[in-house]
Amino acid sequence: MTDWEPKITTFLCNWCSYGAADLAGVSRFQYPPNFRVIRIPCSARVSPKFILAALRRGADGVWVSGDTPATAITWKVITTRAENLLS
């Protein structure tokens, strides 16, 4: 049996997923040490370049967690600005 565990880079939305991870820490729950948490303003802002950079730097996997595009904070701002420009 091997002790290998994959290194996972996680991009967590400040408004939802990161709050859950923070609450887990405050509640003294432990998440696996092979997860590397990166707090981001909104999951809608994660560029494919970020994912590729994480993989190039040794991550075995990448997890992006956040709202759906319909509820994401950044997505709402972007679509509102676009609507204002078109009106």
PDB file of N, CA and C in Angstrom:
ATOM      1  N   MET A   1       0.843  -1.188   0.000  1.00  0.00           N
ATOM      2  CA  MET A   1       0.000   0.000   0.000  1.00  0.00           C
ATOM      3  C   MET A   1       0.883   1.244   0.000  1.00  0.00           C
ATOM      4  N   THR A   2       0.488   2.223  -0.740  1.00  0.00           N
ATOM      5  CA  THR A   2       1.271   3.451  -0.851  1.00  0.00           C
ATOM      6  C   THR A   2       0.691   4.559   0.035  1.00  0.00           C
ATOM      7  N   ASP A   3       1.560   5.455   0.461  1.00  0.00           N
ATOM      8  CA  ASP A   3       1.133   6.584   1.287  1.00  0.00           C
ATOM      9  C   ASP A   3       0.952   7.846   0.455  1.00  0.00           C
ATOM     10  N   TRP A   4       0.999   7.706  -0.865  1.00  0.00           N
ATOM     11  CA  TRP A   4       0.892   8.856  -1.746  1.00  0.00           C
ATOM     12  C   TRP A   4      -0.491   9.493  -1.625  1.00  0.00           C
ATOM     13  N   GLU A   5      -0.510  10.796  -1.492  1.00  0.00           N
ATOM     14  CA  GLU A   5      -1.757  11.551  -1.501  1.00  0.00           C
ATOM     15  C   GLU A   5      -1.610  12.670  -2.522  1.00  0.00           C
ATOM     16  N   PRO A   6      -2.609  12.896  -3.361  1.00  0.00           N
ATOM     17  CA  PRO A   6      -2.487  13.943  -4.382  1.00  0.00           C
ATOM     18  C   PRO A   6      -2.454  15.332  -3.744  1.00  0.00           C
ATOM     19  N   LYS A   7      -1.695  16.227  -4.359  1.00  0.00           N
ATOM     20  CA  LYS A   7      -1.677  17.632  -3.940  1.00  0.00           C
ATOM     21  C   LYS A   7      -2.785  18.346  -4.707  1.00  0.00           C
ATOM     22  N   ILE A   8      -3.715  18.926  -3.973  1.00  0.00           N
ATOM     23  CA  ILE A   8      -4.860  19.585  -4.587  1.00  0.00           C
ATOM     24  C   ILE A   8      -4.785  21.082  -4.298  1.00  0.00           C
ATOM     25  N   THR A   9      -4.781  21.894  -5.342  1.00  0.00           N
ATOM     26  CA  THR A   9      -4.858  23.338  -5.194  1.00  0.00           C
ATOM     27  C   THR A   9      -6.331  23.716  -5.282  1.00  0.00           C
ATOM     28  N   THR A  10      -6.824  24.443  -4.268  1.00  0.00           N
ATOM     29  CA  THR A  10      -8.232  24.821  -4.250  1.00  0.00           C
ATOM     30  C   THR A  10      -8.366  26.335  -4.359  1.00  0.00           C
ATOM     31  N   PHE A  11      -9.224  26.774  -5.249  1.00  0.00           N
ATOM     32  CA  PHE A  11      -9.577  28.181  -5.377  1.00  0.00           C
ATOM     33  C   PHE A  11     -10.962  28.329  -4.763  1.00  0.00           C
ATOM     34  N   LEU A  12     -11.051  29.009  -3.616  1.00  0.00           N
ATOM     35  CA  LEU A  12     -12.311  29.119  -2.894  1.00  0.00           C
ATOM     36  C   LEU A  12     -12.834  30.554  -2.926  1.00  0.00           C
ATOM     37  N   CYS A  13     -14.086  30.704  -3.314  1.00  0.00           N
ATOM     38  CA  CYS A  13     -14.752  32.003  -3.380  1.00  0.00           C
ATOM     39  C   CYS A  13     -14.846  32.616  -1.985  1.00  0.00           C
ATOM     40  N   ASN A  14     -14.469  33.869  -1.873  1.00  0.00           N
ATOM     41  CA  ASN A  14     -14.513  34.596  -0.600  1.00  0.00           C
ATOM     42  C   ASN A  14     -15.908  34.618   0.015  1.00  0.00           C
ATOM     43  N   TRP A  15     -16.942  34.646  -0.808  1.00  0.00           N
ATOM     44  CA  TRP A  15     -18.302  34.862  -0.324  1.00  0.00           C
ATOM     45  C   TRP A  15     -19.024  33.592   0.073  1.00  0.00           C
ATOM     46  N   CYS A  16     -18.524  32.425  -0.273  1.00  0.00           N
ATOM     47  CA  CYS A  16     -19.252  31.202   0.098  1.00  0.00           C
ATOM     48  C   CYS A  16     -18.301  30.090   0.530  1.00  0.00           C
ATOM     49  N   SER A  17     -17.518  29.574  -0.377  1.00  0.00           N
ATOM     50  CA  SER A  17     -16.684  28.409  -0.081  1.00  0.00           C
ATOM     51  C   SER A  17     -15.610  28.686   0.964  1.00  0.00           C
ATOM     52  N   TYR A  18     -14.965  29.835   0.868  1.00  0.00           N
ATOM     53  CA  TYR A  18     -13.922  30.149   1.843  1.00  0.00           C
ATOM     54  C   TYR A  18     -14.526  30.302   3.239  1.00  0.00           C
ATOM     55  N   GLY A  19     -15.703  30.876   3.302  1.00  0.00           N
ATOM     56  CA  GLY A  19     -16.387  31.003   4.591  1.00  0.00           C
ATOM     57  C   GLY A  19     -16.651  29.653   5.223  1.00  0.00           C
ATOM     58  N   ALA A  20     -17.012  28.681   4.410  1.00  0.00           N
ATOM     59  CA  ALA A  20     -17.247  27.329   4.916  1.00  0.00           C
ATOM     60  C   ALA A  20     -15.947  26.698   5.411  1.00  0.00           C
ATOM     61  N   ALA A  21     -14.861  26.881   4.669  1.00  0.00           N
ATOM     62  CA  ALA A  21     -13.561  26.344   5.083  1.00  0.00           C
ATOM     63  C   ALA A  21     -13.091  27.024   6.367  1.00  0.00           C
ATOM     64  N   ASP A  22     -13.322  28.331   6.473  1.00  0.00           N
ATOM     65  CA  ASP A  22     -12.951  29.070   7.673  1.00  0.00           C
ATOM     66  C   ASP A  22     -13.760  28.594   8.877  1.00  0.00           C
ATOM     67  N   LEU A  23     -15.042  28.374   8.679  1.00  0.00           N
ATOM     68  CA  LEU A  23     -15.893  27.875   9.761  1.00  0.00           C
ATOM     69  C   LEU A  23     -15.446  26.492  10.211  1.00  0.00           C
ATOM     70  N   ALA A  24     -15.034  25.666   9.259  1.00  0.00           N
ATOM     71  CA  ALA A  24     -14.521  24.339   9.620  1.00  0.00           C
ATOM     72  C   ALA A  24     -13.288  24.469  10.505  1.00  0.00           C
ATOM     73  N   GLY A  25     -12.410  25.414  10.168  1.00  0.00           N
ATOM     74  CA  GLY A  25     -11.212  25.626  10.973  1.00  0.00           C
ATOM     75  C   GLY A  25     -11.536  26.140  12.362  1.00  0.00           C
ATOM     76  N   VAL A  26     -12.454  27.093  12.448  1.00  0.00           N
ATOM     77  CA  VAL A  26     -12.870  27.636  13.744  1.00  0.00           C
ATOM     78  C   VAL A  26     -13.516  26.552  14.602  1.00  0.00           C
ATOM     79  N   SER A  27     -14.238  25.638  13.955  1.00  0.00           N
ATOM     80  CA  SER A  27     -14.901  24.540  14.664  1.00  0.00           C
ATOM     81  C   SER A  27     -13.946  23.387  14.965  1.00  0.00           C
ATOM     82  N   ARG A  28     -12.676  23.586  14.619  1.00  0.00           N
ATOM     83  CA  ARG A  28     -11.607  22.613  14.856  1.00  0.00           C
ATOM     84  C   ARG A  28     -11.736  21.326  14.033  1.00  0.00           C
ATOM     85  N   PHE A  29     -12.429  21.433  12.902  1.00  0.00           N
ATOM     86  CA  PHE A  29     -12.411  20.334  11.947  1.00  0.00           C
ATOM     87  C   PHE A  29     -11.120  20.460  11.156  1.00  0.00           C
ATOM     88  N   GLN A  30     -10.563  19.356  10.772  1.00  0.00           N
ATOM     89  CA  GLN A  30      -9.341  19.417   9.986  1.00  0.00           C
ATOM     90  C   GLN A  30      -9.617  18.910   8.576  1.00  0.00           C
ATOM     91  N   TYR A  31      -9.141  19.671   7.604  1.00  0.00           N
ATOM     92  CA  TYR A  31      -9.217  19.171   6.240  1.00  0.00           C
ATOM     93  C   TYR A  31      -7.830  18.667   5.869  1.00  0.00           C
ATOM     94  N   PRO A  32      -7.743  17.841   4.858  1.00  0.00           N
ATOM     95  CA  PRO A  32      -6.474  17.189   4.534  1.00  0.00           C
ATOM     96  C   PRO A  32      -5.333  18.178   4.310  1.00  0.00           C
ATOM     97  N   PRO A  33      -4.141  17.859   4.783  1.00  0.00           N
ATOM     98  CA  PRO A  33      -2.994  18.753   4.606  1.00  0.00           C
ATOM     99  C   PRO A  33      -2.512  18.847   3.157  1.00  0.00           C
ATOM    100  N   ASN A  34      -2.988  17.962   2.307  1.00  0.00           N
ATOM    101  CA  ASN A  34      -2.571  18.009   0.906  1.00  0.00           C
ATOM    102  C   ASN A  34      -3.426  18.980   0.083  1.00  0.00           C
ATOM    103  N   PHE A  35      -4.375  19.673   0.728  1.00  0.00           N
ATOM    104  CA  PHE A  35      -5.161  20.710   0.070  1.00  0.00           C
ATOM    105  C   PHE A  35      -4.484  22.051   0.301  1.00  0.00           C
ATOM    106  N   ARG A  36      -4.256  22.798  -0.751  1.00  0.00           N
ATOM    107  CA  ARG A  36      -3.698  24.141  -0.661  1.00  0.00           C
ATOM    108  C   ARG A  36      -4.806  25.123  -1.004  1.00  0.00           C
ATOM    109  N   VAL A  37      -5.213  25.916  -0.035  1.00  0.00           N
ATOM    110  CA  VAL A  37      -6.348  26.821  -0.210  1.00  0.00           C
ATOM    111  C   VAL A  37      -5.870  28.186  -0.700  1.00  0.00           C
ATOM    112  N   ILE A  38      -6.501  28.660  -1.766  1.00  0.00           N
ATOM    113  CA  ILE A  38      -6.261  29.997  -2.279  1.00  0.00           C
ATOM    114  C   ILE A  38      -7.595  30.730  -2.245  1.00  0.00           C
ATOM    115  N   ARG A  39      -7.641  31.810  -1.465  1.00  0.00           N
ATOM    116  CA  ARG A  39      -8.861  32.609  -1.329  1.00  0.00           C
ATOM    117  C   ARG A  39      -8.930  33.589  -2.496  1.00  0.00           C
ATOM    118  N   ILE A  40     -10.064  33.578  -3.199  1.00  0.00           N
ATOM    119  CA  ILE A  40     -10.242  34.456  -4.353  1.00  0.00           C
ATOM    120  C   ILE A  40     -11.498  35.304  -4.152  1.00  0.00           C
ATOM    121  N   PRO A  41     -11.552  36.488  -4.770  1.00  0.00           N
ATOM    122  CA  PRO A  41     -12.726  37.351  -4.601  1.00  0.00           C
ATOM    123  C   PRO A  41     -14.020  36.702  -5.107  1.00  0.00           C
ATOM    124  N   CYS A  42     -13.937  35.967  -6.197  1.00  0.00           N
ATOM    125  CA  CYS A  42     -15.120  35.336  -6.773  1.00  0.00           C
ATOM    126  C   CYS A  42     -14.670  34.224  -7.716  1.00  0.00           C
ATOM    127  N   SER A  43     -15.354  33.104  -7.678  1.00  0.00           N
ATOM    128  CA  SER A  43     -14.969  31.980  -8.541  1.00  0.00           C
ATOM    129  C   SER A  43     -15.146  32.301 -10.020  1.00  0.00           C
ATOM    130  N   ALA A  44     -15.992  33.282 -10.328  1.00  0.00           N
ATOM    131  CA  ALA A  44     -16.184  33.675 -11.731  1.00  0.00           C
ATOM    132  C   ALA A  44     -14.938  34.329 -12.312  1.00  0.00           C
ATOM    133  N   ARG A  45     -13.995  34.722 -11.448  1.00  0.00           N
ATOM    134  CA  ARG A  45     -12.778  35.389 -11.904  1.00  0.00           C
ATOM    135  C   ARG A  45     -11.602  34.431 -12.105  1.00  0.00           C
ATOM    136  N   VAL A  46     -11.793  33.138 -11.876  1.00  0.00           N
ATOM    137  CA  VAL A  46     -10.691  32.186 -12.044  1.00  0.00           C
ATOM    138  C   VAL A  46     -10.414  31.990 -13.532  1.00  0.00           C
ATOM    139  N   SER A  47      -9.219  32.328 -13.911  1.00  0.00           N
ATOM    140  CA  SER A  47      -8.798  32.187 -15.299  1.00  0.00           C
ATOM    141  C   SER A  47      -8.247  30.774 -15.518  1.00  0.00           C
ATOM    142  N   PRO A  48      -8.437  30.218 -16.697  1.00  0.00           N
ATOM    143  CA  PRO A  48      -7.806  28.934 -16.997  1.00  0.00           C
ATOM    144  C   PRO A  48      -6.286  28.977 -16.795  1.00  0.00           C
ATOM    145  N   LYS A  49      -5.695  30.166 -16.928  1.00  0.00           N
ATOM    146  CA  LYS A  49      -4.251  30.306 -16.700  1.00  0.00           C
ATOM    147  C   LYS A  49      -3.878  29.971 -15.262  1.00  0.00           C
ATOM    148  N   PHE A  50      -4.755  30.321 -14.298  1.00  0.00           N
ATOM    149  CA  PHE A  50      -4.491  29.992 -12.898  1.00  0.00           C
ATOM    150  C   PHE A  50      -4.453  28.482 -12.695  1.00  0.00           C
ATOM    151  N   ILE A  51      -5.384  27.795 -13.340  1.00  0.00           N
ATOM    152  CA  ILE A  51      -5.466  26.336 -13.214  1.00  0.00           C
ATOM    153  C   ILE A  51      -4.227  25.687 -13.820  1.00  0.00           C
ATOM    154  N   LEU A  52      -3.857  26.126 -15.017  1.00  0.00           N
ATOM    155  CA  LEU A  52      -2.662  25.573 -15.655  1.00  0.00           C
ATOM    156  C   LEU A  52      -1.401  25.871 -14.848  1.00  0.00           C
ATOM    157  N   ALA A  53      -1.318  27.073 -14.272  1.00  0.00           N
ATOM    158  CA  ALA A  53      -0.153  27.426 -13.447  1.00  0.00           C
ATOM    159  C   ALA A  53      -0.053  26.523 -12.226  1.00  0.00           C
ATOM    160  N   ALA A  54      -1.174  26.224 -11.595  1.00  0.00           N
ATOM    161  CA  ALA A  54      -1.164  25.330 -10.433  1.00  0.00           C
ATOM    162  C   ALA A  54      -0.669  23.935 -10.827  1.00  0.00           C
ATOM    163  N   LEU A  55      -1.128  23.442 -11.965  1.00  0.00           N
ATOM    164  CA  LEU A  55      -0.694  22.121 -12.433  1.00  0.00           C
ATOM    165  C   LEU A  55       0.791  22.119 -12.794  1.00  0.00           C
ATOM    166  N   ARG A  56       1.248  23.192 -13.415  1.00  0.00           N
ATOM    167  CA  ARG A  56       2.668  23.290 -13.770  1.00  0.00           C
ATOM    168  C   ARG A  56       3.556  23.350 -12.534  1.00  0.00           C
ATOM    169  N   ARG A  57       3.024  23.904 -11.459  1.00  0.00           N
ATOM    170  CA  ARG A  57       3.813  24.048 -10.222  1.00  0.00           C
ATOM    171  C   ARG A  57       3.685  22.855  -9.288  1.00  0.00           C
ATOM    172  N   GLY A  58       3.140  21.763  -9.800  1.00  0.00           N
ATOM    173  CA  GLY A  58       3.173  20.523  -9.027  1.00  0.00           C
ATOM    174  C   GLY A  58       1.865  20.027  -8.456  1.00  0.00           C
ATOM    175  N   ALA A  59       0.770  20.743  -8.664  1.00  0.00           N
ATOM    176  CA  ALA A  59      -0.522  20.253  -8.171  1.00  0.00           C
ATOM    177  C   ALA A  59      -0.940  19.042  -9.003  1.00  0.00           C
ATOM    178  N   ASP A  60      -1.504  18.049  -8.327  1.00  0.00           N
ATOM    179  CA  ASP A  60      -2.026  16.881  -9.029  1.00  0.00           C
ATOM    180  C   ASP A  60      -3.462  17.106  -9.490  1.00  0.00           C
ATOM    181  N   GLY A  61      -4.121  18.067  -8.869  1.00  0.00           N
ATOM    182  CA  GLY A  61      -5.493  18.396  -9.226  1.00  0.00           C
ATOM    183  C   GLY A  61      -5.829  19.796  -8.778  1.00  0.00           C
ATOM    184  N   VAL A  62      -6.904  20.339  -9.346  1.00  0.00           N
ATOM    185  CA  VAL A  62      -7.360  21.695  -9.009  1.00  0.00           C
ATOM    186  C   VAL A  62      -8.857  21.635  -8.750  1.00  0.00           C
ATOM    187  N   TRP A  63      -9.274  22.327  -7.687  1.00  0.00           N
ATOM    188  CA  TRP A  63     -10.691  22.385  -7.338  1.00  0.00           C
ATOM    189  C   TRP A  63     -11.092  23.852  -7.259  1.00  0.00           C
ATOM    190  N   VAL A  64     -12.086  24.239  -8.063  1.00  0.00           N
ATOM    191  CA  VAL A  64     -12.622  25.592  -8.029  1.00  0.00           C
ATOM    192  C   VAL A  64     -14.009  25.489  -7.419  1.00  0.00           C
ATOM    193  N   SER A  65     -14.220  26.235  -6.332  1.00  0.00           N
ATOM    194  CA  SER A  65     -15.497  26.132  -5.627  1.00  0.00           C
ATOM    195  C   SER A  65     -16.089  27.516  -5.420  1.00  0.00           C
ATOM    196  N   GLY A  66     -17.372  27.648  -5.734  1.00  0.00           N
ATOM    197  CA  GLY A  66     -18.040  28.931  -5.561  1.00  0.00           C
ATOM    198  C   GLY A  66     -19.477  28.870  -6.018  1.00  0.00           C
ATOM    199  N   ASP A  67     -20.044  30.030  -6.221  1.00  0.00           N
ATOM    200  CA  ASP A  67     -21.435  30.153  -6.651  1.00  0.00           C
ATOM    201  C   ASP A  67     -21.605  29.766  -8.113  1.00  0.00           C
ATOM    202  N   THR A  68     -22.857  29.633  -8.492  1.00  0.00           N
ATOM    203  CA  THR A  68     -23.171  29.457  -9.903  1.00  0.00           C
ATOM    204  C   THR A  68     -23.044  30.822 -10.586  1.00  0.00           C
ATOM    205  N   PRO A  69     -22.876  30.866 -11.891  1.00  0.00           N
ATOM    206  CA  PRO A  69     -22.778  32.174 -12.561  1.00  0.00           C
ATOM    207  C   PRO A  69     -23.983  33.076 -12.297  1.00  0.00           C
ATOM    208  N   ALA A  70     -25.145  32.477 -12.074  1.00  0.00           N
ATOM    209  CA  ALA A  70     -26.346  33.282 -11.832  1.00  0.00           C
ATOM    210  C   ALA A  70     -26.297  34.013 -10.492  1.00  0.00           C
ATOM    211  N   THR A  71     -25.539  33.503  -9.522  1.00  0.00           N
ATOM    212  CA  THR A  71     -25.505  34.123  -8.197  1.00  0.00           C
ATOM    213  C   THR A  71     -24.142  34.697  -7.830  1.00  0.00           C
ATOM    214  N   ALA A  72     -23.129  34.462  -8.632  1.00  0.00           N
ATOM    215  CA  ALA A  72     -21.787  34.941  -8.314  1.00  0.00           C
ATOM    216  C   ALA A  72     -21.741  36.469  -8.314  1.00  0.00           C
ATOM    217  N   ILE A  73     -21.104  37.034  -7.317  1.00  0.00           N
ATOM    218  CA  ILE A  73     -21.019  38.489  -7.156  1.00  0.00           C
ATOM    219  C   ILE A  73     -20.398  39.141  -8.394  1.00  0.00           C
ATOM    220  N   THR A  74     -19.234  38.660  -8.821  1.00  0.00           N
ATOM    221  CA  THR A  74     -18.543  39.256  -9.969  1.00  0.00           C
ATOM    222  C   THR A  74     -19.378  39.127 -11.231  1.00  0.00           C
ATOM    223  N   TRP A  75     -20.016  37.984 -11.404  1.00  0.00           N
ATOM    224  CA  TRP A  75     -20.837  37.768 -12.593  1.00  0.00           C
ATOM    225  C   TRP A  75     -21.952  38.803 -12.666  1.00  0.00           C
ATOM    226  N   LYS A  76     -22.571  39.104 -11.519  1.00  0.00           N
ATOM    227  CA  LYS A  76     -23.641  40.100 -11.491  1.00  0.00           C
ATOM    228  C   LYS A  76     -23.113  41.482 -11.860  1.00  0.00           C
ATOM    229  N   VAL A  77     -21.952  41.845 -11.347  1.00  0.00           N
ATOM    230  CA  VAL A  77     -21.360  43.152 -11.643  1.00  0.00           C
ATOM    231  C   VAL A  77     -21.048  43.263 -13.135  1.00  0.00           C
ATOM    232  N   ILE A  78     -20.457  42.209 -13.685  1.00  0.00           N
ATOM    233  CA  ILE A  78     -20.083  42.218 -15.108  1.00  0.00           C
ATOM    234  C   ILE A  78     -21.327  42.345 -15.983  1.00  0.00           C
ATOM    235  N   THR A  79     -22.355  41.563 -15.699  1.00  0.00           N
ATOM    236  CA  THR A  79     -23.552  41.614 -16.543  1.00  0.00           C
ATOM    237  C   THR A  79     -24.292  42.936 -16.377  1.00  0.00           C
ATOM    238  N   THR A  80     -24.305  43.503 -15.159  1.00  0.00           N
ATOM    239  CA  THR A  80     -24.955  44.796 -14.952  1.00  0.00           C
ATOM    240  C   THR A  80     -24.244  45.885 -15.738  1.00  0.00           C
ATOM    241  N   ARG A  81     -22.925  45.886 -15.705  1.00  0.00           N
ATOM    242  CA  ARG A  81     -22.161  46.885 -16.462  1.00  0.00           C
ATOM    243  C   ARG A  81     -22.383  46.729 -17.954  1.00  0.00           C
ATOM    244  N   ALA A  82     -22.432  45.492 -18.423  1.00  0.00           N
ATOM    245  CA  ALA A  82     -22.665  45.252 -19.845  1.00  0.00           C
ATOM    246  C   ALA A  82     -24.061  45.748 -20.247  1.00  0.00           C
ATOM    247  N   GLU A  83     -25.049  45.485 -19.404  1.00  0.00           N
ATOM    248  CA  GLU A  83     -26.413  45.949 -19.706  1.00  0.00           C
ATOM    249  C   GLU A  83     -26.464  47.469 -19.749  1.00  0.00           C
ATOM    250  N   ASN A  84     -25.753  48.138 -18.824  1.00  0.00           N
ATOM    251  CA  ASN A  84     -25.742  49.596 -18.812  1.00  0.00           C
ATOM    252  C   ASN A  84     -25.073  50.165 -20.057  1.00  0.00           C
ATOM    253  N   LEU A  85     -24.039  49.494 -20.535  1.00  0.00           N
ATOM    254  CA  LEU A  85     -23.357  49.957 -21.744  1.00  0.00           C
ATOM    255  C   LEU A  85     -24.245  49.805 -22.980  1.00  0.00           C
ATOM    256  N   LEU A  86     -25.055  48.751 -22.986  1.00  0.00           N
ATOM    257  CA  LEU A  86     -25.905  48.483 -24.143  1.00  0.00           C
ATOM    258  C   LEU A  86     -27.205  49.301 -24.156  1.00  0.00           C
ATOM    259  N   SER A  87     -27.576  49.849 -22.991  1.00  0.00           N
ATOM    260  CA  SER A  87     -28.839  50.612 -22.946  1.00  0.00           C
ATOM    261  C   SER A  87     -28.675  52.007 -23.491  1.00  0.00           C
TER     262      SER A  87
END
